[in-house]
Amino acid sequence: MGVLRGSLLLIAITLAACAEQGSTPQYHATDNPRLLSEWGQLGIATGELRLGEGVVPYDLNTPLFTDYALKLRTIWMPPGTQATYREGAALDFPVGTVITKTFYYPLADTPGMVAAGDGHSLTNPDGSLDLSRVQLIETRILVHRETGWAAIPYRWNSNQSDALLHRYGDIVPLQMVNADGEETAFNYVMPDTNQCGSCHIPDSNVRAIAPIGPKPRHLNRDFDYPEGSRNQLEYLTEVGFLTGAPDAAIAPRNADWEDVTAPLEARARAYLDANCSHCHSPVGPADTSGLDLEPGVPHGPAAGFCKPPVAAGSGTGDRLFDIFPGQPDQSILVFRLDTVLPDQMMPELGRSTIHSEGVALIRDWIESLPGDCG
């Protein structure tokens, strides 16, 4: 019955996609097309950004902060292929997989301005976006080729009809207003291909580009599909995209950092996981710091508790420990999140603004921690 149900669901999705979206996904094994539309993952029709046939949208429990941009994430795999479940790492995707992430902002009421995203996607259940409501900035592609993963950035044109290949990155000046009416002018920095790799190399020993978002602990959440709200791991299994996943109830699950009903500890650790642990892990690019911000690391020096910096320079803010329990103003972690100076900020890439709400969360968490570094 489960196999039949999955087959019927996959057929329904495919038929709906053919009828409503039309674009056919393409796997480019060696070349990087000049236009995003040549991938067939996303297309423009009747004033909407739409997903290609068989392309599945997804979201994360707690996402990486990128200057208050909202993100549309998608996965596509060649017909007849599946990803394999891996509990502590990203899903093991087959060659031919294409993962996209489109960065966009809601349009503000004031012409020429964008609104700070509140974390809640503006996509419809089928993954489409009403282009009259948003400004598209960029779409990043991760494609799994025979030689490994490749990161390819595309910049949307001004009329939002297509996105152009931008290997060397770009700077996008923006005027943004938040929910309180406060305005901020900043430069949104679109990374070049090398900078994409600097974050998407989770193992400094292997030094190979890989996905970092689609891990079970990030994916284990509900998503509003056209058929209704479903757990993402279960849905991906049913449509034939995933094999080997346990019941969602026993799979690891990060907290939603904005969910005030969740424990403060879980929310803070999920935030640090999403924003920091791709570098700060035992094998990550920042392994020499000795700081491991993965969510399962117990309180102690490895997790930054009363740990002096190894080589942070001016990034310490004259503070002695990464995390000083009960003392956020004496914690290097808070200092580095609460600045945009290039030689001091963390993460080093991916933002030009301070995530005030995220900083407040980490401050509250550190303030709640018992003990001291005496």
Protein backbone atom coordinates (compact mmCIF):
# COMPACT_ATOMS: atom_id res chain seq x y z
CA MET A 1 0.00 0.00 0.00
CA GLY A 2 2.86 2.41 0.86
CA VAL A 3 4.57 1.78 -2.51
CA LEU A 4 1.28 2.27 -4.37
CA ARG A 5 0.54 5.46 -2.47
CA GLY A 6 3.99 6.82 -3.23
CA SER A 7 3.65 5.95 -6.91
CA LEU A 8 0.26 7.62 -7.17
CA LEU A 9 1.53 10.71 -5.39
CA LEU A 10 4.53 10.95 -7.70
CA ILE A 11 2.28 10.62 -10.75
CA ALA A 12 -0.01 13.34 -9.40
CA ILE A 13 2.89 15.69 -8.80
CA THR A 14 4.33 15.04 -12.26
CA LEU A 15 1.00 15.60 -14.01
CA ALA A 16 0.37 18.80 -12.06
CA ALA A 17 3.83 20.04 -12.87
CA CYS A 18 3.42 19.32 -16.57
CA ALA A 19 0.06 21.07 -16.69
CA GLU A 20 0.91 24.15 -14.66
CA GLN A 21 4.65 24.73 -14.91
CA GLY A 22 5.95 23.27 -18.12
CA SER A 23 9.72 23.75 -17.80
CA THR A 24 11.73 20.53 -18.00
CA PRO A 25 14.75 20.23 -15.67
CA GLN A 26 18.11 19.62 -17.30
CA TYR A 27 21.29 18.16 -15.88
CA HIS A 28 24.36 19.85 -17.36
CA ALA A 29 27.17 17.38 -16.80
CA THR A 30 30.07 19.65 -17.73
CA ASP A 31 28.98 23.12 -18.87
CA ASN A 32 27.54 26.01 -16.90
CA PRO A 33 24.75 27.60 -18.96
CA ARG A 34 24.70 31.38 -19.29
CA LEU A 35 21.03 31.56 -18.32
CA LEU A 36 19.41 30.05 -15.25
CA SER A 37 16.38 29.10 -17.35
CA GLU A 38 18.53 26.61 -19.28
CA TRP A 39 18.57 24.41 -16.19
CA GLY A 40 14.77 24.13 -16.25
CA GLN A 41 14.62 24.11 -12.46
CA LEU A 42 12.79 27.44 -12.31
CA GLY A 43 10.83 29.32 -14.92
CA ILE A 44 8.79 32.49 -15.36
CA ALA A 45 5.13 32.24 -16.42
CA THR A 46 2.14 34.60 -15.99
CA GLY A 47 3.97 36.84 -13.56
CA GLU A 48 5.20 34.03 -11.33
CA LEU A 49 8.45 32.23 -10.63
CA ARG A 50 7.49 28.57 -10.97
CA LEU A 51 9.19 25.26 -10.29
CA GLY A 52 10.06 22.92 -13.13
CA GLU A 53 8.52 19.49 -13.60
CA GLY A 54 9.33 17.20 -10.68
CA VAL A 55 11.23 19.90 -8.76
CA VAL A 56 10.44 19.70 -5.04
CA PRO A 57 10.59 22.70 -2.67
CA TYR A 58 11.88 22.34 0.87
CA ASP A 59 12.73 24.42 3.92
CA LEU A 60 14.90 24.20 7.04
CA ASN A 61 13.97 24.29 10.71
CA THR A 62 16.44 27.11 11.31
CA PRO A 63 18.09 28.70 8.26
CA LEU A 64 21.30 30.60 7.75
CA PHE A 65 20.83 34.36 8.11
CA THR A 66 21.53 36.33 4.92
CA ASP A 67 20.71 40.01 5.42
CA TYR A 68 17.02 39.31 6.07
CA ALA A 69 16.58 37.76 2.61
CA LEU A 70 13.96 35.05 2.18
CA LYS A 71 14.91 31.87 0.33
CA LEU A 72 13.20 29.44 -1.99
CA ARG A 73 14.98 26.08 -1.83
CA THR A 74 14.47 23.22 -4.27
CA ILE A 75 15.76 19.73 -5.06
CA TRP A 76 15.60 17.82 -8.32
CA MET A 77 17.03 14.40 -9.11
CA PRO A 78 17.11 12.54 -12.41
CA PRO A 79 14.19 10.12 -12.81
CA GLY A 80 14.86 6.74 -11.24
CA THR A 81 17.45 8.02 -8.77
CA GLN A 82 17.24 8.52 -5.01
CA ALA A 83 19.13 10.17 -2.19
CA THR A 84 20.26 8.00 0.71
CA TYR A 85 19.57 9.00 4.29
CA ARG A 86 22.59 9.89 6.45
CA GLU A 87 21.85 10.94 9.99
CA GLY A 88 24.74 13.24 10.81
CA ALA A 89 25.43 14.67 7.38
CA ALA A 90 23.63 15.97 4.33
CA LEU A 91 21.63 13.40 2.41
CA ASP A 92 23.78 11.40 0.00
CA PHE A 93 22.50 12.69 -3.33
CA PRO A 94 23.06 10.86 -6.64
CA VAL A 95 25.03 12.26 -9.55
CA GLY A 96 22.72 14.50 -11.54
CA THR A 97 21.11 16.14 -8.51
CA VAL A 98 20.47 19.87 -8.80
CA ILE A 99 19.81 21.93 -5.65
CA THR A 100 18.76 25.56 -5.98
CA LYS A 101 18.43 28.40 -3.51
CA THR A 102 16.81 31.64 -4.65
CA PHE A 103 17.31 34.75 -2.50
CA TYR A 104 14.58 37.38 -2.61
CA TYR A 105 12.98 40.20 -0.61
CA PRO A 106 9.37 41.26 -0.16
CA LEU A 107 8.72 44.63 -1.77
CA ALA A 108 8.12 47.44 0.71
CA ASP A 109 5.22 49.87 0.44
CA THR A 110 7.70 52.61 -0.44
CA PRO A 111 8.77 52.35 -4.10
CA GLY A 112 12.40 51.36 -4.55
CA MET A 113 12.67 49.72 -1.15
CA VAL A 114 12.57 46.13 0.03
CA ALA A 115 11.19 44.83 3.30
CA ALA A 116 13.19 42.79 5.77
CA GLY A 117 12.06 39.18 5.53
CA ASP A 118 10.57 37.84 8.74
CA GLY A 119 11.60 34.27 7.99
CA HIS A 120 8.20 33.27 6.62
CA SER A 121 8.37 32.38 2.94
CA LEU A 122 6.08 34.12 0.47
CA THR A 123 5.95 31.07 -1.78
CA ASN A 124 2.70 29.34 -2.60
CA PRO A 125 2.31 25.64 -1.67
CA ASP A 126 3.50 24.64 -5.15
CA GLY A 127 6.67 26.68 -4.64
CA SER A 128 5.70 29.51 -6.97
CA LEU A 129 6.35 33.18 -6.20
CA ASP A 130 4.21 36.16 -7.23
CA LEU A 131 6.78 38.44 -8.84
CA SER A 132 4.66 41.53 -8.21
CA ARG A 133 5.36 41.09 -4.49
CA VAL A 134 9.09 40.38 -4.44
CA GLN A 135 12.51 41.43 -5.71
CA LEU A 136 14.61 38.48 -6.83
CA ILE A 137 18.32 38.87 -6.12
CA GLU A 138 20.17 35.68 -7.00
CA THR A 139 19.83 31.93 -7.43
CA ARG A 140 22.66 29.64 -6.39
CA ILE A 141 22.92 26.18 -7.90
CA LEU A 142 24.68 23.14 -6.49
CA VAL A 143 24.96 20.40 -9.10
CA HIS A 144 26.35 16.92 -8.43
CA ARG A 145 28.58 15.93 -11.33
CA GLU A 146 30.76 12.86 -11.88
CA THR A 147 33.71 14.95 -10.68
CA GLY A 148 31.89 16.13 -7.56
CA TRP A 149 29.66 19.04 -6.59
CA ALA A 150 29.92 22.41 -8.33
CA ALA A 151 28.59 25.75 -7.05
CA ILE A 152 27.22 28.12 -9.69
CA PRO A 153 25.78 31.60 -8.91
CA TYR A 154 23.20 33.41 -11.05
CA ARG A 155 22.11 37.06 -10.76
CA TRP A 156 18.51 37.99 -11.63
CA ASN A 157 18.03 40.73 -14.23
CA SER A 158 16.08 43.89 -13.45
CA ASN A 159 12.82 42.79 -15.08
CA GLN A 160 12.97 39.39 -13.37
CA SER A 161 12.67 37.43 -16.60
CA ASP A 162 15.84 35.36 -16.12
CA ALA A 163 19.09 35.18 -14.19
CA LEU A 164 22.58 35.44 -15.68
CA LEU A 165 25.67 33.46 -14.74
CA HIS A 166 27.87 35.56 -12.43
CA ARG A 167 31.05 33.62 -11.65
CA TYR A 168 32.70 36.66 -10.11
CA GLY A 169 29.87 37.63 -7.79
CA ASP A 170 28.21 41.01 -7.55
CA ILE A 171 27.25 43.80 -5.17
CA VAL A 172 23.59 44.81 -5.02
CA PRO A 173 22.83 48.12 -3.24
CA LEU A 174 19.54 47.86 -1.34
CA GLN A 175 17.33 50.11 0.75
CA MET A 176 15.54 47.99 3.35
CA VAL A 177 12.83 48.79 5.88
CA ASN A 178 11.96 46.57 8.83
CA ALA A 179 8.67 45.98 10.62
CA ASP A 180 9.33 48.96 12.91
CA GLY A 181 9.78 51.31 9.97
CA GLU A 182 13.54 51.59 10.44
CA GLU A 183 15.40 52.02 7.16
CA THR A 184 18.82 50.59 6.33
CA ALA A 185 20.99 51.09 3.27
CA PHE A 186 23.43 48.26 2.67
CA ASN A 187 25.26 46.33 -0.02
CA TYR A 188 24.01 42.80 -0.53
CA VAL A 189 27.12 40.84 -1.50
CA MET A 190 26.60 38.03 -3.97
CA PRO A 191 29.48 35.55 -3.58
CA ASP A 192 31.72 34.44 -6.41
CA THR A 193 32.28 30.76 -7.11
CA ASN A 194 35.33 30.58 -4.83
CA GLN A 195 33.42 32.14 -1.93
CA CYS A 196 30.61 29.64 -2.44
CA GLY A 197 33.17 26.92 -1.92
CA SER A 198 34.56 28.52 1.22
CA CYS A 199 31.31 27.70 3.03
CA HIS A 200 30.36 24.57 1.13
CA ILE A 201 33.51 22.63 2.04
CA PRO A 202 32.39 21.09 5.35
CA ASP A 203 35.44 18.80 5.61
CA SER A 204 38.78 20.58 5.39
CA ASN A 205 40.57 17.24 5.06
CA VAL A 206 38.68 16.32 1.88
CA ARG A 207 38.26 19.89 0.61
CA ALA A 208 35.35 18.98 -1.64
CA ILE A 209 32.24 21.09 -2.17
CA ALA A 210 29.10 19.54 -0.68
CA PRO A 211 25.58 20.56 0.38
CA ILE A 212 25.32 21.74 3.99
CA GLY A 213 21.62 22.57 4.39
CA PRO A 214 19.71 19.36 3.56
CA LYS A 215 20.66 17.37 6.65
CA PRO A 216 17.99 15.32 8.44
CA ARG A 217 18.03 17.55 11.52
CA HIS A 218 17.29 20.58 9.34
CA LEU A 219 14.76 18.85 7.07
CA ASN A 220 12.75 17.11 9.79
CA ARG A 221 9.82 19.52 9.83
CA ASP A 222 6.45 20.01 8.18
CA PHE A 223 6.04 21.78 4.84
CA ASP A 224 2.88 23.06 3.17
CA TYR A 225 2.69 21.10 -0.08
CA PRO A 226 -0.21 21.40 -2.57
CA GLU A 227 -1.61 18.18 -1.06
CA GLY A 228 -1.44 19.60 2.46
CA SER A 229 1.06 19.88 5.30
CA ARG A 230 3.47 16.94 5.49
CA ASN A 231 6.75 16.08 7.17
CA GLN A 232 9.51 16.69 4.63
CA LEU A 233 11.44 13.47 5.27
CA GLU A 234 8.26 11.43 4.91
CA TYR A 235 7.22 13.32 1.79
CA LEU A 236 10.60 12.93 0.10
CA THR A 237 10.42 9.20 0.83
CA GLU A 238 6.91 8.88 -0.59
CA VAL A 239 7.69 10.66 -3.85
CA GLY A 240 10.73 8.44 -4.35
CA PHE A 241 13.43 11.03 -3.67
CA LEU A 242 14.75 9.47 -0.44
CA THR A 243 15.51 5.99 0.84
CA GLY A 244 16.60 4.69 4.24
CA ALA A 245 15.00 7.40 6.39
CA PRO A 246 13.65 6.35 9.80
CA ASP A 247 10.30 7.46 11.14
CA ALA A 248 10.35 11.24 11.49
CA ALA A 249 9.51 10.91 15.18
CA ILE A 250 12.90 9.31 15.89
CA ALA A 251 15.01 11.22 13.36
CA PRO A 252 17.11 14.13 14.68
CA ARG A 253 15.35 17.47 14.62
CA ASN A 254 16.66 20.97 15.21
CA ALA A 255 14.44 23.55 16.83
CA ASP A 256 12.99 26.53 15.01
CA TRP A 257 15.00 29.42 16.43
CA GLU A 258 11.87 31.63 16.41
CA ASP A 259 9.63 29.13 18.22
CA VAL A 260 9.23 30.65 21.67
CA THR A 261 7.54 27.46 22.91
CA ALA A 262 10.79 25.53 22.36
CA PRO A 263 13.53 25.48 25.03
CA LEU A 264 15.89 28.45 24.82
CA GLU A 265 18.87 26.07 24.74
CA ALA A 266 17.49 24.19 21.72
CA ARG A 267 16.73 27.40 19.83
CA ALA A 268 20.16 28.90 20.45
CA ARG A 269 22.02 25.71 19.56
CA ALA A 270 19.98 25.38 16.36
CA TYR A 271 20.84 28.97 15.43
CA LEU A 272 24.56 28.40 16.00
CA ASP A 273 24.36 25.14 14.08
CA ALA A 274 22.81 26.80 11.02
CA ASN A 275 25.02 29.89 11.06
CA CYS A 276 28.34 28.62 12.38
CA SER A 277 28.84 24.86 12.49
CA HIS A 278 29.57 24.40 8.78
CA CYS A 279 32.94 25.97 9.63
CA HIS A 280 33.16 25.41 13.38
CA SER A 281 33.30 21.62 13.62
CA PRO A 282 36.15 19.15 14.22
CA VAL A 283 36.75 18.87 10.45
CA GLY A 284 35.41 22.23 9.24
CA PRO A 285 37.44 25.10 7.76
CA ALA A 286 37.65 26.69 11.23
CA ASP A 287 38.79 23.50 12.97
CA THR A 288 41.99 25.19 14.15
CA SER A 289 39.90 27.47 16.37
CA GLY A 290 39.07 24.51 18.60
CA LEU A 291 35.43 25.64 18.68
CA ASP A 292 32.75 23.09 17.79
CA LEU A 293 29.27 24.58 17.41
CA GLU A 294 27.45 21.47 16.28
CA PRO A 295 24.26 20.98 18.32
CA GLY A 296 25.18 17.75 20.09
CA VAL A 297 28.43 18.98 21.66
CA PRO A 298 28.04 19.11 25.46
CA HIS A 299 28.68 22.26 27.45
CA GLY A 300 32.41 22.60 27.92
CA PRO A 301 35.54 24.05 26.30
CA ALA A 302 34.92 22.32 22.95
CA ALA A 303 31.57 24.15 22.69
CA GLY A 304 33.22 27.44 23.66
CA PHE A 305 32.36 27.47 27.37
CA CYS A 306 35.16 29.32 29.16
CA LYS A 307 37.40 28.62 26.17
CA PRO A 308 39.99 31.30 25.38
CA PRO A 309 40.45 32.16 21.69
CA VAL A 310 43.21 30.48 19.72
CA ALA A 311 43.95 33.23 17.19
CA ALA A 312 41.09 35.70 16.87
CA GLY A 313 43.10 38.96 16.94
CA SER A 314 40.82 42.00 17.03
CA GLY A 315 37.87 39.61 16.76
CA THR A 316 37.93 39.04 20.52
CA GLY A 317 36.64 42.50 21.40
CA ASP A 318 39.05 42.31 24.37
CA ARG A 319 36.96 39.48 25.80
CA LEU A 320 38.62 36.42 27.29
CA PHE A 321 36.27 33.55 26.46
CA ASP A 322 34.13 32.43 23.53
CA ILE A 323 31.19 31.85 25.88
CA PHE A 324 31.21 33.24 29.42
CA PRO A 325 28.16 31.65 31.14
CA GLY A 326 25.83 34.32 32.49
CA GLN A 327 27.87 37.11 30.87
CA PRO A 328 26.91 37.80 27.24
CA ASP A 329 28.78 41.11 27.26
CA GLN A 330 31.95 39.22 28.17
CA SER A 331 31.48 36.56 25.47
CA ILE A 332 33.43 36.71 22.21
CA LEU A 333 30.61 34.88 20.43
CA VAL A 334 28.19 37.76 20.99
CA PHE A 335 30.80 40.33 19.99
CA ARG A 336 31.46 38.64 16.65
CA LEU A 337 27.78 38.22 15.81
CA ASP A 338 27.08 41.85 16.71
CA THR A 339 29.47 43.54 14.28
CA VAL A 340 29.93 43.94 10.53
CA LEU A 341 33.63 44.84 10.60
CA PRO A 342 35.36 42.40 8.20
CA ASP A 343 38.18 41.40 10.55
CA GLN A 344 35.82 40.81 13.47
CA MET A 345 32.46 39.53 12.23
CA MET A 346 31.21 35.97 12.15
CA PRO A 347 30.24 34.41 9.87
CA GLU A 348 32.96 35.99 7.75
CA LEU A 349 30.84 35.79 4.60
CA GLY A 350 27.17 35.96 3.76
CA ARG A 351 25.99 39.07 5.53
CA SER A 352 26.44 42.84 5.48
CA THR A 353 24.00 43.56 8.30
CA ILE A 354 23.60 42.47 11.91
CA HIS A 355 20.89 39.96 12.67
CA SER A 356 19.59 41.78 15.74
CA GLU A 357 17.01 39.11 16.59
CA GLY A 358 19.62 36.36 16.34
CA VAL A 359 22.07 38.28 18.51
CA ALA A 360 19.31 38.81 21.09
CA LEU A 361 18.62 35.07 21.14
CA ILE A 362 22.26 34.20 21.78
CA ARG A 363 22.54 36.92 24.43
CA ASP A 364 19.47 35.57 26.25
CA TRP A 365 20.83 32.04 26.08
CA ILE A 366 24.27 32.92 27.44
CA GLU A 367 22.69 35.03 30.17
CA SER A 368 20.61 32.01 31.22
CA LEU A 369 23.63 29.69 31.53
CA PRO A 370 24.76 28.78 35.04
CA GLY A 371 28.36 28.87 36.19
CA ASP A 372 31.25 31.19 35.52
CA CYS A 373 34.82 31.15 34.27
CA GLY A 374 36.46 32.00 37.57
